[in-house]
Amino acid sequence: MKINIIVLFFCSLFYILPISAREVNRKQLNIATKVEPKGKDNVAYQWGYIALEATANDTDRFKPRPTITSRYLALIFTAIFDAWTRFDENATPVYLKEVERRPKSEMTLKNKEIAISYAAYGALREYYFSDSTMFKNKMLALGLDPDNTSINPNTPEGIGNLAAQWVINIRKNDGSNQYGEVPGSNGQPYFDYSGYTPVNDVDTNIDINRWQPKYFIDENGSKYDPGCLTPYWQEVQPLFLESANQFRPGPPPMIGSEQLEKEVKQVIDLQTTLTPENKALVEFMRDGPKSVQQAGHWLKFAQDVSLRDEHTLDQDVKMYFLVESVAMDGFIACWDSKMFYDFARPYALVHKYYQDQVIYAWGGPESGMVQMKGEEWRPYSPDSFLCPPFPSYVSGHSTISGGCAEALKLFTGAEEFGVEVELIPGALTEPKNLGKPVVLKFPTFTQTAEMAGISRVMGGYHIQADNLEGLELGRKIAHHNYKKYLKLLGETGN
C-alpha cells in the first residue's frame, strides 16, 4: 500500500510541475528505480525529433532539397554515433580520432546522454544554423550548458564537442560545396560547379530520351524555371560506399522500345484510376507542408519503430545512424544514375507518345479528371511543384525507401512495421475537391517501400523502370552499409 501511495505521489507531482521540473523529476525517478528511459523519453529520440523539426524548417526556407538534407541528417547522426562509441565497450567511431574509449566505470547512461547531446548540438548548429535558438533551448531543457565548448577528451562534454568538430572538419571539402568554396561557385553554397546544361531547355525538347526542365508557378502566380537540383551530387564523398557508381543500374528503356511504350501507358492508366487511397498515398509520400524530404521521412518511420519497440538510447543511436547512412549514400548513388543517364520524365514522354490523342486524365486542381489531348497531360501535383527538377532515372523516393526499409528490416530482424496514417485525399493537391478521410496502412517495411515507389508512378513523376531499379539500388546500398555498420560495432552479420 505504501508503494502505491509513493507512486501516486510522484505521478501527481509530475503533472503539476513545469516542464523543466518534470524532466528533472523523471530523471530522479529513473535513477531511484534504475529504469532506463525508452521511446520518446530517451535523449537520442528527442534529438531525432529536433533534427526532423530543423529539416522541415530548412525546406520552408530553401524549398525542397533532399540531397542536401540527407547529408545533414547523416552527418548529425554520425557525430552522435561517434560520441556514443567512446562509452561503448566495442564500437568504433567513423571520424572521431585521438579520443580514447572511456573506462567501463564511466559508461553510464548519464555520460552517454551528455556526450550525444553535445555532439548533436554542435552538428545541428553547423548544418541547420538558422535554428540555433531551438537547439540551445533543448540543451537548457536537458540541464546542459550550451556555452560549454570544452574539448577535453576525458569528459562527456568534451567528447561530444570533439565528435561534432571531427565530422564537420573532415566533411568540409567532401564535394557537397556546402561553403561555396569550390572554384566557380562565386561564394554561393551548393552552387553547381559541374557545368551541367540540359540538352533540352524549358521551352524546346530536341531529344525526347533526355530530361527537360519544366516551369513552376511561384506564390505570385509567375512562371519560373527552378533549374536542376545539385547536378553534381554524384561527386559528393559517400559515407560507406566505395564510389557513387558502385551499384549503378543498367540503362532505362529508350524511345522505340516496347517496354517504354508500355510503361508510359501505365502512368496514364494509373492516373485515370486513382482512388482516394491512391491520392492520399501520392501526397503522403510526396511529403507536403513541414516536409522533411525522403531522408527525414524515413527518420520519422525509424522513430515510429522506437516508440513501438520502446527503444533505449543505445538502440536509437545505432538505428538512426544506420538508416541515415543509407539515405545519404542512396542519394549520392541515385544522383550518379540520374546524371549519367539524364533520362526523361513521364511529363515529356506522355506528351510525345500521346500528343493529339484524346485521353482521360487529371486536368488540374480546379478541373479533376477530364478528357484532354495527350500533349496537355500533367502529373497529379500542384502548380508550385509540378515535377521534380532533375532527371528521372532512377527514382529518389524508391532508392531511399528501398534502402531505408531494408536497413530497418536488418536492424530489427523482422519485416513487421504496423504504422497507420489517416489522411484527407487531395488536401495538398486539389483542396477544393477533397475526399473523405482514409487510413493508409503500412504493414511491413518492404511493403512500405514498395508503396512509396509505386506512388511516384501513380503521381506521374516516374515510369515503373525508375521505381523498380531505384528500389533495387537502395537495397544493395542497405546491405553494403549494414556490413560496414556491424564492423564499426565490432559485430559480424550474415
Protein backbone atom coordinates (compact mmCIF):
# COMPACT_ATOMS: atom_id res chain seq x y z
CA MET A 1 0.00 0.00 0.00
CA LYS A 2 2.85 2.38 0.85
CA ILE A 3 4.45 1.70 -2.53
CA ASN A 4 1.22 2.60 -4.32
CA ILE A 5 0.94 5.85 -2.40
CA ILE A 6 4.51 6.79 -3.26
CA VAL A 7 3.95 6.07 -6.95
CA LEU A 8 0.75 8.11 -6.96
CA PHE A 9 2.59 10.96 -5.27
CA PHE A 10 5.32 11.00 -7.92
CA CYS A 11 2.76 10.81 -10.74
CA SER A 12 0.71 13.70 -9.40
CA LEU A 13 3.86 15.74 -8.79
CA PHE A 14 4.98 15.16 -12.38
CA TYR A 15 1.79 16.59 -13.85
CA ILE A 16 1.59 19.72 -11.71
CA LEU A 17 5.24 20.78 -12.12
CA PRO A 18 6.53 22.95 -15.00
CA ILE A 19 8.03 21.06 -17.95
CA SER A 20 11.65 21.63 -16.86
CA ALA A 21 10.88 20.35 -13.38
CA ARG A 22 9.03 17.35 -14.82
CA GLU A 23 12.17 16.35 -16.71
CA VAL A 24 14.28 16.65 -13.56
CA ASN A 25 11.86 14.57 -11.50
CA ARG A 26 11.54 11.97 -14.27
CA LYS A 27 15.31 11.60 -14.25
CA GLN A 28 15.38 11.35 -10.44
CA LEU A 29 12.67 8.69 -10.50
CA ASN A 30 14.55 6.75 -13.18
CA ILE A 31 17.71 6.82 -11.07
CA ALA A 32 15.81 5.69 -7.99
CA THR A 33 14.16 2.77 -9.76
CA LYS A 34 17.02 2.07 -12.23
CA VAL A 35 14.64 2.33 -15.18
CA GLU A 36 16.28 3.47 -18.40
CA PRO A 37 14.21 5.99 -20.42
CA LYS A 38 12.69 4.41 -23.51
CA GLY A 39 10.90 5.56 -26.65
CA LYS A 40 10.22 9.27 -26.67
CA ASP A 41 11.81 9.63 -23.23
CA ASN A 42 15.28 8.60 -24.37
CA VAL A 43 17.54 11.51 -25.27
CA ALA A 44 18.55 10.11 -28.66
CA TYR A 45 14.88 10.02 -29.70
CA GLN A 46 14.46 13.61 -28.56
CA TRP A 47 17.41 14.81 -30.67
CA GLY A 48 15.97 12.87 -33.60
CA TYR A 49 12.74 14.80 -33.20
CA ILE A 50 14.65 18.09 -33.08
CA ALA A 51 16.51 17.10 -36.27
CA LEU A 52 13.19 16.50 -38.02
CA GLU A 53 11.89 19.90 -36.96
CA ALA A 54 15.05 21.53 -38.30
CA THR A 55 14.74 19.64 -41.59
CA ALA A 56 11.16 20.82 -42.03
CA ASN A 57 12.23 24.39 -41.33
CA ASP A 58 15.04 24.07 -43.85
CA THR A 59 12.50 23.06 -46.51
CA ASP A 60 10.36 26.08 -45.68
CA ARG A 61 13.36 28.39 -46.01
CA PHE A 62 15.09 26.93 -49.06
CA LYS A 63 12.41 24.83 -50.83
CA PRO A 64 12.87 21.05 -51.18
CA ARG A 65 16.49 19.99 -51.49
CA PRO A 66 16.51 16.32 -50.50
CA THR A 67 20.14 15.68 -51.45
CA ILE A 68 21.39 18.37 -49.10
CA THR A 69 19.19 17.47 -46.13
CA SER A 70 20.09 13.77 -46.48
CA ARG A 71 23.73 14.74 -45.95
CA TYR A 72 22.86 16.95 -42.99
CA LEU A 73 20.94 14.21 -41.22
CA ALA A 74 23.54 11.54 -41.87
CA LEU A 75 26.37 13.70 -40.55
CA ILE A 76 24.40 14.78 -37.48
CA PHE A 77 23.77 11.14 -36.56
CA THR A 78 27.35 10.22 -37.40
CA ALA A 79 28.52 12.79 -34.85
CA ILE A 80 26.08 11.36 -32.31
CA PHE A 81 27.22 7.81 -33.06
CA ASP A 82 30.90 8.72 -32.81
CA ALA A 83 30.42 10.36 -29.41
CA TRP A 84 28.43 7.36 -28.18
CA THR A 85 31.14 4.86 -29.20
CA ARG A 86 33.52 6.22 -26.58
CA PHE A 87 31.08 4.98 -23.92
CA ASP A 88 30.52 1.56 -25.51
CA GLU A 89 32.75 -1.44 -24.89
CA ASN A 90 33.28 -2.39 -28.56
CA ALA A 91 32.10 0.28 -31.02
CA THR A 92 34.50 2.27 -33.22
CA PRO A 93 33.80 5.83 -34.44
CA VAL A 94 33.64 6.82 -38.11
CA TYR A 95 35.59 10.08 -37.90
CA LEU A 96 36.43 10.83 -34.26
CA LYS A 97 40.16 10.30 -33.77
CA GLU A 98 42.62 10.58 -30.90
CA VAL A 99 39.91 10.12 -28.28
CA GLU A 100 40.28 7.02 -26.13
CA ARG A 101 37.41 4.79 -25.05
CA ARG A 102 36.29 5.68 -21.56
CA PRO A 103 36.75 3.22 -18.67
CA LYS A 104 33.86 0.86 -18.04
CA SER A 105 33.02 2.71 -14.84
CA GLU A 106 32.23 5.81 -16.95
CA MET A 107 30.00 4.01 -19.45
CA THR A 108 26.87 5.29 -17.76
CA LEU A 109 23.59 6.43 -19.27
CA LYS A 110 24.17 9.94 -17.94
CA ASN A 111 27.54 10.25 -19.66
CA LYS A 112 26.08 8.93 -22.91
CA GLU A 113 23.26 11.47 -22.73
CA ILE A 114 25.70 14.31 -22.20
CA ALA A 115 28.10 13.22 -24.94
CA ILE A 116 25.50 12.65 -27.63
CA SER A 117 23.73 15.90 -26.72
CA TYR A 118 26.85 17.98 -27.25
CA ALA A 119 27.57 16.10 -30.47
CA ALA A 120 24.02 16.71 -31.70
CA TYR A 121 24.12 20.36 -30.64
CA GLY A 122 27.40 21.03 -32.43
CA ALA A 123 26.41 19.26 -35.65
CA LEU A 124 22.90 20.72 -35.76
CA ARG A 125 24.22 24.27 -35.33
CA GLU A 126 26.59 23.70 -38.23
CA TYR A 127 24.12 22.23 -40.71
CA TYR A 128 20.85 23.86 -39.62
CA PHE A 129 22.35 27.09 -38.30
CA SER A 130 19.12 29.07 -38.72
CA ASP A 131 17.55 27.09 -35.86
CA SER A 132 20.36 27.57 -33.33
CA THR A 133 17.95 29.01 -30.76
CA MET A 134 15.81 25.87 -30.87
CA PHE A 135 18.89 23.71 -30.28
CA LYS A 136 20.08 25.93 -27.44
CA ASN A 137 16.70 25.70 -25.74
CA LYS A 138 16.81 21.92 -25.98
CA MET A 139 20.20 21.87 -24.27
CA LEU A 140 18.87 24.06 -21.48
CA ALA A 141 15.82 21.82 -21.10
CA LEU A 142 18.18 18.88 -20.64
CA GLY A 143 20.06 20.80 -17.95
CA LEU A 144 23.17 21.22 -20.11
CA ASP A 145 25.23 24.35 -20.72
CA PRO A 146 25.06 25.25 -24.42
CA ASP A 147 28.08 27.54 -23.99
CA ASN A 148 30.34 24.72 -22.83
CA THR A 149 32.87 24.42 -25.66
CA SER A 150 35.27 22.11 -23.83
CA ILE A 151 37.26 19.70 -25.99
CA ASN A 152 38.62 17.76 -23.04
CA PRO A 153 38.64 14.15 -24.32
CA ASN A 154 38.26 12.85 -20.78
CA THR A 155 34.77 14.34 -20.26
CA PRO A 156 31.46 13.55 -21.97
CA GLU A 157 31.02 17.25 -22.83
CA GLY A 158 34.43 17.38 -24.49
CA ILE A 159 33.88 14.10 -26.35
CA GLY A 160 30.56 15.34 -27.71
CA ASN A 161 32.07 18.63 -28.88
CA LEU A 162 35.01 16.82 -30.45
CA ALA A 163 32.75 14.36 -32.25
CA ALA A 164 30.88 17.22 -33.91
CA GLN A 165 34.12 19.03 -34.76
CA TRP A 166 35.70 15.99 -36.40
CA VAL A 167 32.66 15.35 -38.58
CA ILE A 168 32.40 18.99 -39.62
CA ASN A 169 36.10 19.34 -40.41
CA ILE A 170 36.52 16.08 -42.29
CA ARG A 171 33.40 16.63 -44.39
CA LYS A 172 34.14 20.27 -45.18
CA ASN A 173 35.56 19.54 -48.63
CA ASP A 174 33.59 16.39 -49.48
CA GLY A 175 32.25 17.65 -52.83
CA SER A 176 28.96 18.98 -51.48
CA ASN A 177 30.11 22.60 -51.90
CA GLN A 178 28.45 23.49 -48.61
CA TYR A 179 30.50 26.65 -48.24
CA GLY A 180 30.58 27.76 -51.87
CA GLU A 181 34.37 27.38 -51.95
CA VAL A 182 34.69 25.12 -54.99
CA PRO A 183 36.16 27.10 -57.92
CA GLY A 184 33.45 28.74 -59.98
CA SER A 185 30.96 28.92 -57.11
CA ASN A 186 31.32 32.67 -56.52
CA GLY A 187 30.96 32.03 -52.82
CA GLN A 188 27.46 30.59 -53.22
CA PRO A 189 26.81 27.46 -51.12
CA TYR A 190 25.71 24.43 -53.15
CA PHE A 191 26.36 26.21 -56.44
CA ASP A 192 26.67 23.84 -59.38
CA TYR A 193 30.34 23.50 -60.26
CA SER A 194 29.81 20.65 -62.75
CA GLY A 195 28.85 22.83 -65.70
CA TYR A 196 25.74 20.74 -66.36
CA THR A 197 23.40 22.15 -69.02
CA PRO A 198 20.25 20.24 -70.04
CA VAL A 199 20.12 19.06 -73.65
CA ASN A 200 16.50 20.28 -73.71
CA ASP A 201 15.60 23.71 -72.40
CA VAL A 202 12.34 24.53 -70.68
CA ASP A 203 10.66 25.56 -73.96
CA THR A 204 12.16 23.17 -76.51
CA ASN A 205 12.53 19.39 -76.42
CA ILE A 206 15.02 18.24 -79.03
CA ASP A 207 15.90 14.82 -77.55
CA ILE A 208 12.93 13.03 -76.01
CA ASN A 209 15.17 10.50 -74.26
CA ARG A 210 16.77 13.26 -72.19
CA TRP A 211 15.44 15.30 -69.30
CA GLN A 212 13.57 18.54 -69.95
CA PRO A 213 13.07 21.20 -67.24
CA LYS A 214 9.51 22.37 -66.54
CA TYR A 215 8.05 25.68 -65.39
CA PHE A 216 6.82 26.05 -61.81
CA ILE A 217 4.36 28.69 -60.57
CA ASP A 218 5.52 30.78 -57.61
CA GLU A 219 3.40 32.32 -54.84
CA ASN A 220 2.82 35.38 -57.01
CA GLY A 221 1.47 33.33 -59.90
CA SER A 222 4.55 33.85 -62.07
CA LYS A 223 6.25 31.11 -64.08
CA TYR A 224 9.88 30.26 -63.35
CA ASP A 225 12.39 27.54 -64.18
CA PRO A 226 13.98 26.19 -60.98
CA GLY A 227 16.86 24.58 -62.87
CA CYS A 228 18.41 21.24 -61.94
CA LEU A 229 18.89 20.50 -58.24
CA THR A 230 22.54 19.80 -57.30
CA PRO A 231 23.53 18.17 -60.62
CA TYR A 232 26.98 17.48 -59.16
CA TRP A 233 25.79 15.43 -56.17
CA GLN A 234 27.35 12.23 -57.51
CA GLU A 235 30.69 13.91 -56.75
CA VAL A 236 29.95 14.00 -53.00
CA GLN A 237 32.05 11.58 -50.97
CA PRO A 238 29.79 8.76 -49.71
CA LEU A 239 29.73 7.75 -46.08
CA PHE A 240 30.22 4.00 -46.63
CA LEU A 241 30.07 3.33 -50.38
CA GLU A 242 33.37 2.96 -52.18
CA SER A 243 32.09 5.13 -55.05
CA ALA A 244 28.90 6.75 -56.29
CA ASN A 245 28.66 4.34 -59.23
CA GLN A 246 29.37 1.19 -57.20
CA PHE A 247 25.88 -0.19 -57.82
CA ARG A 248 24.91 1.85 -60.87
CA PRO A 249 21.95 0.16 -62.64
CA GLY A 250 21.82 -0.57 -66.36
CA PRO A 251 20.20 1.93 -68.76
CA PRO A 252 16.49 2.84 -68.78
CA PRO A 253 14.16 1.80 -71.63
CA MET A 254 14.50 4.23 -74.53
CA ILE A 255 12.13 5.69 -77.13
CA GLY A 256 11.22 3.00 -79.63
CA SER A 257 11.31 0.16 -77.09
CA GLU A 258 8.17 -1.84 -76.32
CA GLN A 259 8.95 -1.60 -72.60
CA LEU A 260 8.92 2.19 -72.55
CA GLU A 261 5.69 2.35 -74.55
CA LYS A 262 4.01 0.03 -72.03
CA GLU A 263 5.34 1.90 -69.04
CA VAL A 264 4.22 5.30 -70.34
CA LYS A 265 0.74 3.87 -70.89
CA GLN A 266 0.83 2.50 -67.33
CA VAL A 267 1.41 6.02 -65.99
CA ILE A 268 -1.70 7.28 -67.82
CA ASP A 269 -3.79 4.29 -66.75
CA LEU A 270 -2.81 4.62 -63.10
CA GLN A 271 -3.70 8.30 -63.05
CA THR A 272 -7.05 7.59 -64.71
CA THR A 273 -7.97 5.13 -61.96
CA LEU A 274 -6.64 6.99 -58.92
CA THR A 275 -8.69 6.03 -55.86
CA PRO A 276 -8.96 8.24 -52.76
CA GLU A 277 -6.41 5.95 -51.10
CA ASN A 278 -4.09 6.30 -54.10
CA LYS A 279 -4.31 10.09 -53.95
CA ALA A 280 -3.59 10.07 -50.23
CA LEU A 281 -0.60 7.79 -50.79
CA VAL A 282 0.81 10.02 -53.55
CA GLU A 283 0.51 13.07 -51.30
CA PHE A 284 1.85 11.35 -48.18
CA MET A 285 4.96 10.07 -49.92
CA ARG A 286 5.40 13.33 -51.83
CA ASP A 287 5.52 14.95 -48.37
CA GLY A 288 3.83 18.35 -48.22
CA PRO A 289 3.88 21.15 -45.62
CA LYS A 290 6.53 20.69 -42.91
CA SER A 291 8.24 18.42 -45.41
CA VAL A 292 11.27 16.56 -44.14
CA GLN A 293 12.18 15.06 -47.54
CA GLN A 294 12.89 11.36 -48.00
CA ALA A 295 15.77 11.06 -45.51
CA GLY A 296 13.61 12.76 -42.88
CA HIS A 297 10.55 10.73 -43.81
CA TRP A 298 12.41 7.51 -43.04
CA LEU A 299 13.87 9.02 -39.88
CA LYS A 300 10.27 9.60 -38.81
CA PHE A 301 9.48 5.97 -39.65
CA ALA A 302 12.51 4.94 -37.57
CA GLN A 303 11.12 6.97 -34.68
CA ASP A 304 7.84 5.09 -35.07
CA VAL A 305 9.85 1.89 -34.59
CA SER A 306 11.47 3.38 -31.49
CA LEU A 307 8.07 4.13 -29.98
CA ARG A 308 6.68 0.73 -30.94
CA ASP A 309 9.62 -1.23 -29.54
CA GLU A 310 10.40 1.12 -26.63
CA HIS A 311 13.98 1.69 -27.68
CA THR A 312 16.73 2.68 -25.32
CA LEU A 313 19.22 5.43 -26.11
CA ASP A 314 21.75 2.87 -27.36
CA GLN A 315 19.26 1.33 -29.77
CA ASP A 316 18.16 4.66 -31.20
CA VAL A 317 21.70 5.96 -31.66
CA LYS A 318 22.58 2.88 -33.70
CA MET A 319 19.33 2.72 -35.67
CA TYR A 320 19.27 6.38 -36.73
CA PHE A 321 22.92 6.23 -37.75
CA LEU A 322 22.35 3.15 -39.93
CA VAL A 323 19.18 4.45 -41.57
CA GLU A 324 20.58 7.90 -42.33
CA SER A 325 23.84 6.48 -43.68
CA VAL A 326 21.75 4.57 -46.22
CA ALA A 327 19.73 7.68 -47.09
CA MET A 328 22.83 9.81 -47.64
CA ASP A 329 24.65 7.21 -49.73
CA GLY A 330 21.40 6.42 -51.51
CA PHE A 331 21.07 9.97 -52.77
CA ILE A 332 24.67 10.04 -53.94
CA ALA A 333 24.25 6.77 -55.87
CA CYS A 334 20.83 7.80 -57.15
CA TRP A 335 22.23 11.08 -58.49
CA ASP A 336 25.02 9.18 -60.18
CA SER A 337 22.40 7.29 -62.17
CA LYS A 338 20.25 10.37 -62.78
CA MET A 339 23.06 12.48 -64.16
CA PHE A 340 24.75 9.63 -66.03
CA TYR A 341 21.61 8.70 -67.98
CA ASP A 342 19.93 12.16 -67.90
CA PHE A 343 16.64 10.43 -68.66
CA ALA A 344 13.24 11.97 -69.42
CA ARG A 345 10.26 12.08 -67.09
CA PRO A 346 6.69 10.99 -67.91
CA TYR A 347 5.72 14.65 -68.25
CA ALA A 348 7.57 14.79 -71.58
CA LEU A 349 7.14 11.12 -72.51
CA VAL A 350 3.34 11.19 -72.32
CA HIS A 351 3.29 14.31 -74.50
CA LYS A 352 5.48 12.55 -77.05
CA TYR A 353 3.55 9.27 -77.19
CA TYR A 354 0.01 10.66 -76.96
CA GLN A 355 0.28 14.17 -78.49
CA ASP A 356 -3.10 14.61 -80.31
CA GLN A 357 -4.79 11.52 -78.88
CA VAL A 358 -7.72 12.17 -76.56
CA ILE A 359 -7.11 10.65 -73.13
CA TYR A 360 -8.85 10.78 -69.78
CA ALA A 361 -6.57 12.38 -67.20
CA TRP A 362 -6.27 14.82 -64.32
CA GLY A 363 -6.84 18.37 -65.54
CA GLY A 364 -5.54 20.26 -62.52
CA PRO A 365 -6.68 21.39 -59.03
CA GLU A 366 -9.84 23.07 -60.35
CA SER A 367 -10.79 20.51 -63.01
CA GLY A 368 -10.42 17.00 -61.65
CA MET A 369 -10.49 14.13 -64.16
CA VAL A 370 -11.35 15.29 -67.70
CA GLN A 371 -10.83 14.42 -71.34
CA MET A 372 -7.82 16.14 -72.91
CA LYS A 373 -5.19 15.77 -75.59
CA GLY A 374 -2.11 13.82 -74.60
CA GLU A 375 0.07 16.89 -75.02
CA GLU A 376 -1.88 18.54 -72.17
CA TRP A 377 -1.25 15.76 -69.65
CA ARG A 378 0.33 16.64 -66.30
CA PRO A 379 1.30 14.83 -63.09
CA TYR A 380 -1.05 14.73 -60.11
CA SER A 381 0.77 17.61 -58.48
CA PRO A 382 0.21 21.30 -57.58
CA ASP A 383 1.45 24.05 -59.90
CA SER A 384 4.02 25.14 -57.33
CA PHE A 385 5.84 21.81 -57.66
CA LEU A 386 4.75 20.26 -60.93
CA CYS A 387 7.60 17.81 -61.33
CA PRO A 388 10.91 17.16 -59.56
CA PRO A 389 13.58 19.45 -61.10
CA PHE A 390 16.15 16.83 -62.14
CA PRO A 391 16.36 13.74 -64.38
CA SER A 392 14.21 10.74 -63.53
CA TYR A 393 16.18 7.51 -63.69
CA VAL A 394 16.31 6.23 -61.00
CA SER A 395 13.63 7.41 -58.59
CA GLY A 396 15.00 9.06 -55.46
CA HIS A 397 11.93 8.12 -53.44
CA SER A 398 12.30 4.49 -54.49
CA THR A 399 16.04 4.39 -53.82
CA ILE A 400 15.80 5.90 -50.35
CA SER A 401 12.65 3.96 -49.43
CA GLY A 402 14.03 0.66 -50.66
CA GLY A 403 17.29 1.26 -48.81
CA CYS A 404 15.94 2.62 -45.52
CA ALA A 405 13.20 -0.02 -45.35
CA GLU A 406 15.82 -2.71 -45.81
CA ALA A 407 18.00 -1.07 -43.16
CA LEU A 408 15.13 -1.11 -40.66
CA LYS A 409 14.40 -4.73 -41.52
CA LEU A 410 18.04 -5.65 -40.94
CA PHE A 411 18.20 -3.66 -37.72
CA THR A 412 15.01 -5.06 -36.19
CA GLY A 413 15.45 -8.56 -37.62
CA ALA A 414 11.86 -8.62 -38.85
CA GLU A 415 9.56 -7.29 -41.57
CA GLU A 416 6.73 -6.07 -39.34
CA PHE A 417 6.12 -2.33 -39.26
CA GLY A 418 2.45 -1.68 -38.50
CA VAL A 419 2.15 2.09 -38.87
CA GLU A 420 -1.19 3.61 -39.91
CA VAL A 421 -1.83 7.18 -41.04
CA GLU A 422 -5.18 8.95 -41.51
CA LEU A 423 -5.24 11.49 -44.34
CA ILE A 424 -7.67 13.55 -46.40
CA PRO A 425 -7.17 12.74 -50.10
CA GLY A 426 -6.43 15.78 -52.24
CA ALA A 427 -5.58 18.08 -49.33
CA LEU A 428 -2.21 19.02 -50.82
CA THR A 429 -3.12 18.88 -54.50
CA GLU A 430 -6.77 19.79 -55.07
CA PRO A 431 -8.03 21.45 -51.88
CA LYS A 432 -11.40 22.32 -53.48
CA ASN A 433 -12.04 18.68 -54.34
CA LEU A 434 -11.36 16.93 -51.05
CA GLY A 435 -12.30 13.35 -50.35
CA LYS A 436 -13.36 11.74 -47.08
CA PRO A 437 -10.57 10.72 -44.67
CA VAL A 438 -8.83 7.44 -45.47
CA VAL A 439 -6.41 5.30 -43.49
CA LEU A 440 -3.15 4.19 -45.09
CA LYS A 441 -1.68 1.03 -43.61
CA PHE A 442 2.00 0.12 -43.78
CA PRO A 443 2.16 -3.48 -42.55
CA THR A 444 5.80 -4.27 -43.36
CA PHE A 445 8.95 -2.35 -44.16
CA THR A 446 9.20 -3.85 -47.64
CA GLN A 447 5.57 -3.07 -48.45
CA THR A 448 6.04 0.50 -47.22
CA ALA A 449 9.00 0.96 -49.56
CA GLU A 450 7.05 -0.51 -52.46
CA MET A 451 4.09 1.74 -51.70
CA ALA A 452 6.41 4.74 -51.70
CA GLY A 453 7.86 3.66 -55.03
CA ILE A 454 4.59 2.96 -56.84
CA SER A 455 3.18 6.25 -55.51
CA ARG A 456 5.69 8.02 -57.74
CA VAL A 457 4.35 6.19 -60.79
CA MET A 458 0.76 6.91 -59.74
CA GLY A 459 1.63 10.57 -59.31
CA GLY A 460 3.12 10.73 -62.80
CA TYR A 461 6.68 11.54 -61.75
CA HIS A 462 8.26 8.26 -62.83
CA ILE A 463 7.82 5.23 -65.05
CA GLN A 464 8.00 1.80 -63.46
CA ALA A 465 11.63 1.24 -64.50
CA ASP A 466 12.64 4.29 -62.44
CA ASN A 467 10.85 2.79 -59.46
CA LEU A 468 11.96 -0.85 -59.64
CA GLU A 469 15.60 -0.08 -60.34
CA GLY A 470 15.58 2.51 -57.58
CA LEU A 471 14.22 0.05 -55.04
CA GLU A 472 16.89 -2.46 -56.01
CA LEU A 473 19.65 0.15 -55.83
CA GLY A 474 18.57 1.19 -52.36
CA ARG A 475 18.50 -2.40 -51.08
CA LYS A 476 22.02 -3.06 -52.37
CA ILE A 477 23.25 0.03 -50.55
CA ALA A 478 21.50 -1.03 -47.34
CA HIS A 479 23.19 -4.43 -47.29
CA HIS A 480 26.56 -2.89 -48.11
CA ASN A 481 26.25 -0.24 -45.38
CA TYR A 482 24.91 -2.75 -42.86
CA LYS A 483 28.13 -4.77 -43.10
CA LYS A 484 30.19 -1.62 -42.53
CA TYR A 485 27.92 -0.68 -39.63
CA LEU A 486 28.32 -4.09 -37.97
CA LYS A 487 32.08 -3.83 -38.31
CA LEU A 488 32.01 -0.49 -36.51
CA LEU A 489 30.04 -2.14 -33.72
CA GLY A 490 32.56 -4.98 -33.52
CA GLU A 491 29.94 -7.45 -34.70
CA THR A 492 29.54 -9.73 -37.69
CA GLY A 493 26.46 -10.35 -39.83
CA ASN A 494 25.22 -12.84 -42.34
